[in-house]
Amino acid sequence: MHEAADALEAVGFIVGDRSEPHECNIVVGFDVEHSPARLRVPALKGLWLMEAMLWLASCYCVDTSHVRSILGIWVWGVMLRRDALAAASSVFKFCQHYDGQTAIWWPSARREFRIMAGLVMSLYSDIGARIAPLIFGTDAQGAGEGLSLIHI
């Protein structure tokens, strides 16, 4: 933590509060692992989410409001591992196309939904990991719209 704060201060940020690891006891919604330092989706809740997703994926027709509800929970967990958001393109399009309706799964959306279920237990953030020497950033439209590269 101090290494990251020092690096941020070296490039001009002000880091006024540095809390030692033992001071953080509760993180709402995520499990805290101390070795290695990680935040993760709680195991039991992750299992329930996986089961719900696999059950929905096994249905021939689905109510897109149910898919959207489960998708919202999945997206909350994916905030720990944002690269996993790339797995949900067809599911978002499917839910938007059949908003509030019961529909037959698109094969691509069903396949993605199963893959997303399989990713649930890998949704964690290594908060003790070293900062990458390069950071890529794009806007919500994708890499072609406005790519930024920062060298640390």
Protein backbone atom coordinates (compact mmCIF):
# COMPACT_ATOMS: atom_id res chain seq x y z
CA MET A 1 0.00 0.00 0.00
CA HIS A 2 2.78 2.43 0.86
CA GLU A 3 4.56 1.64 -2.41
CA ALA A 4 1.45 2.53 -4.40
CA ALA A 5 0.90 5.72 -2.37
CA ASP A 6 4.55 6.75 -2.84
CA ALA A 7 4.25 6.19 -6.60
CA LEU A 8 1.08 8.30 -6.76
CA GLU A 9 2.72 11.09 -4.77
CA ALA A 10 5.78 10.96 -7.05
CA VAL A 11 3.59 11.89 -10.04
CA GLY A 12 1.79 14.71 -8.21
CA PHE A 13 -1.18 13.16 -6.38
CA ILE A 14 -1.79 13.90 -2.71
CA VAL A 15 -2.25 10.77 -0.60
CA GLY A 16 -3.23 12.10 2.80
CA ASP A 17 -4.40 8.96 4.56
CA ARG A 18 -2.45 5.71 4.67
CA SER A 19 -4.21 2.95 6.59
CA GLU A 20 -2.32 -0.12 7.68
CA PRO A 21 -3.78 -3.50 6.59
CA HIS A 22 -4.90 -4.48 10.09
CA GLU A 23 -7.11 -1.37 10.33
CA CYS A 24 -9.56 -2.62 7.67
CA ASN A 25 -11.88 -5.21 9.18
CA ILE A 26 -15.03 -5.03 7.04
CA VAL A 27 -15.62 -4.54 3.32
CA VAL A 28 -19.32 -4.51 2.54
CA GLY A 29 -20.25 -7.09 -0.08
CA PHE A 30 -16.86 -8.72 -0.61
CA ASP A 31 -14.70 -11.15 1.31
CA VAL A 32 -11.28 -9.92 2.43
CA GLU A 33 -8.30 -12.26 2.09
CA HIS A 34 -5.09 -11.20 3.78
CA SER A 35 -2.61 -13.54 2.10
CA PRO A 36 -2.48 -12.84 -0.76
CA ALA A 37 -4.18 -9.46 -0.27
CA ARG A 38 -7.44 -9.79 -2.20
CA LEU A 39 -11.06 -8.78 -2.34
CA ARG A 40 -13.33 -11.46 -3.74
CA VAL A 41 -16.96 -12.35 -4.29
CA PRO A 42 -18.09 -14.33 -1.22
CA ALA A 43 -17.96 -18.07 -1.98
CA LEU A 44 -21.54 -18.94 -1.03
CA LYS A 45 -23.04 -15.95 -2.83
CA GLY A 46 -20.87 -16.73 -5.84
CA LEU A 47 -22.14 -20.31 -5.85
CA TRP A 48 -25.76 -19.12 -5.71
CA LEU A 49 -25.08 -16.71 -8.56
CA MET A 50 -23.49 -19.46 -10.67
CA GLU A 51 -26.41 -21.81 -10.03
CA ALA A 52 -28.95 -19.13 -10.97
CA MET A 53 -27.07 -18.31 -14.17
CA LEU A 54 -26.69 -21.96 -15.19
CA TRP A 55 -30.36 -22.62 -14.48
CA LEU A 56 -31.41 -19.64 -16.63
CA ALA A 57 -29.04 -20.76 -19.38
CA SER A 58 -30.62 -24.23 -19.32
CA CYS A 59 -34.09 -22.81 -20.07
CA TYR A 60 -35.34 -22.72 -23.66
CA CYS A 61 -37.15 -19.40 -23.13
CA VAL A 62 -36.21 -16.80 -20.54
CA ASP A 63 -37.79 -13.69 -19.14
CA THR A 64 -35.23 -11.01 -19.94
CA SER A 65 -36.08 -9.15 -16.73
CA HIS A 66 -34.77 -12.20 -14.81
CA VAL A 67 -31.65 -12.34 -16.97
CA ARG A 68 -31.16 -8.60 -16.49
CA SER A 69 -31.53 -8.94 -12.71
CA ILE A 70 -28.92 -11.71 -12.50
CA LEU A 71 -26.74 -9.78 -14.94
CA GLY A 72 -26.79 -6.79 -12.58
CA ILE A 73 -25.50 -8.94 -9.71
CA TRP A 74 -22.82 -10.41 -11.98
CA VAL A 75 -21.72 -6.93 -13.11
CA TRP A 76 -21.42 -5.86 -9.46
CA GLY A 77 -19.03 -8.78 -8.87
CA VAL A 78 -17.14 -8.12 -12.09
CA MET A 79 -16.12 -4.69 -10.81
CA LEU A 80 -13.36 -6.60 -9.03
CA ARG A 81 -12.08 -7.97 -12.34
CA ARG A 82 -13.18 -5.59 -15.07
CA ASP A 83 -11.57 -7.51 -17.92
CA ALA A 84 -14.28 -10.16 -17.45
CA LEU A 85 -16.86 -7.65 -18.75
CA ALA A 86 -15.69 -8.57 -22.24
CA ALA A 87 -17.58 -11.87 -21.86
CA ALA A 88 -21.03 -10.25 -21.86
CA SER A 89 -21.50 -8.53 -25.22
CA SER A 90 -24.27 -10.72 -26.69
CA VAL A 91 -26.07 -11.03 -23.35
CA PHE A 92 -26.39 -7.24 -23.08
CA LYS A 93 -27.64 -7.02 -26.69
CA PHE A 94 -30.10 -9.89 -26.09
CA CYS A 95 -31.55 -8.20 -22.99
CA GLN A 96 -31.82 -4.87 -24.78
CA HIS A 97 -33.46 -6.39 -27.87
CA TYR A 98 -36.11 -8.31 -25.86
CA ASP A 99 -36.42 -5.83 -22.98
CA GLY A 100 -39.17 -6.99 -20.59
CA GLN A 101 -40.19 -9.92 -22.79
CA THR A 102 -39.90 -13.69 -22.69
CA ALA A 103 -37.64 -14.82 -25.51
CA ILE A 104 -35.77 -17.82 -26.88
CA TRP A 105 -32.08 -17.58 -26.08
CA TRP A 106 -29.79 -16.52 -28.89
CA PRO A 107 -27.11 -19.24 -29.11
CA SER A 108 -24.36 -16.63 -28.66
CA ALA A 109 -26.05 -15.06 -25.60
CA ARG A 110 -26.66 -18.46 -23.97
CA ARG A 111 -23.03 -19.48 -24.59
CA GLU A 112 -21.77 -16.21 -23.10
CA PHE A 113 -24.08 -16.53 -20.10
CA ARG A 114 -22.66 -19.98 -19.34
CA ILE A 115 -19.12 -18.63 -19.69
CA MET A 116 -20.00 -15.74 -17.39
CA ALA A 117 -21.28 -18.23 -14.80
CA GLY A 118 -17.97 -20.06 -15.00
CA LEU A 119 -16.10 -16.82 -14.32
CA VAL A 120 -17.89 -16.07 -11.04
CA MET A 121 -15.42 -17.84 -8.77
CA SER A 122 -12.50 -16.03 -10.42
CA LEU A 123 -13.93 -12.61 -9.61
CA TYR A 124 -11.34 -11.15 -7.28
CA SER A 125 -8.98 -8.23 -7.16
CA ASP A 126 -5.34 -8.59 -6.14
CA ILE A 127 -5.09 -5.44 -4.08
CA GLY A 128 -1.56 -6.30 -3.04
CA ALA A 129 -0.30 -6.66 -6.62
CA ARG A 130 2.28 -4.25 -8.01
CA ILE A 131 1.00 -1.47 -10.22
CA ALA A 132 1.46 -2.22 -13.92
CA PRO A 133 4.07 -0.11 -15.73
CA LEU A 134 1.53 0.70 -18.46
CA ILE A 135 -2.15 1.55 -18.13
CA PHE A 136 -4.48 1.51 -21.12
CA GLY A 137 -7.78 3.35 -20.94
CA THR A 138 -10.67 3.72 -23.35
CA ASP A 139 -14.06 5.30 -23.21
CA ALA A 140 -17.20 3.17 -23.03
CA GLN A 141 -17.45 2.94 -26.83
CA GLY A 142 -14.28 0.91 -27.24
CA ALA A 143 -10.63 1.22 -28.12
CA GLY A 144 -11.14 3.02 -31.45
CA GLU A 145 -12.83 6.06 -29.92
CA GLY A 146 -10.22 7.49 -27.59
CA LEU A 147 -7.28 5.38 -26.48
CA SER A 148 -5.05 6.69 -23.72
CA LEU A 149 -1.67 5.29 -22.73
CA ILE A 150 0.01 6.21 -19.47
CA HIS A 151 3.54 5.09 -18.67
CA ILE A 152 4.25 4.87 -14.95
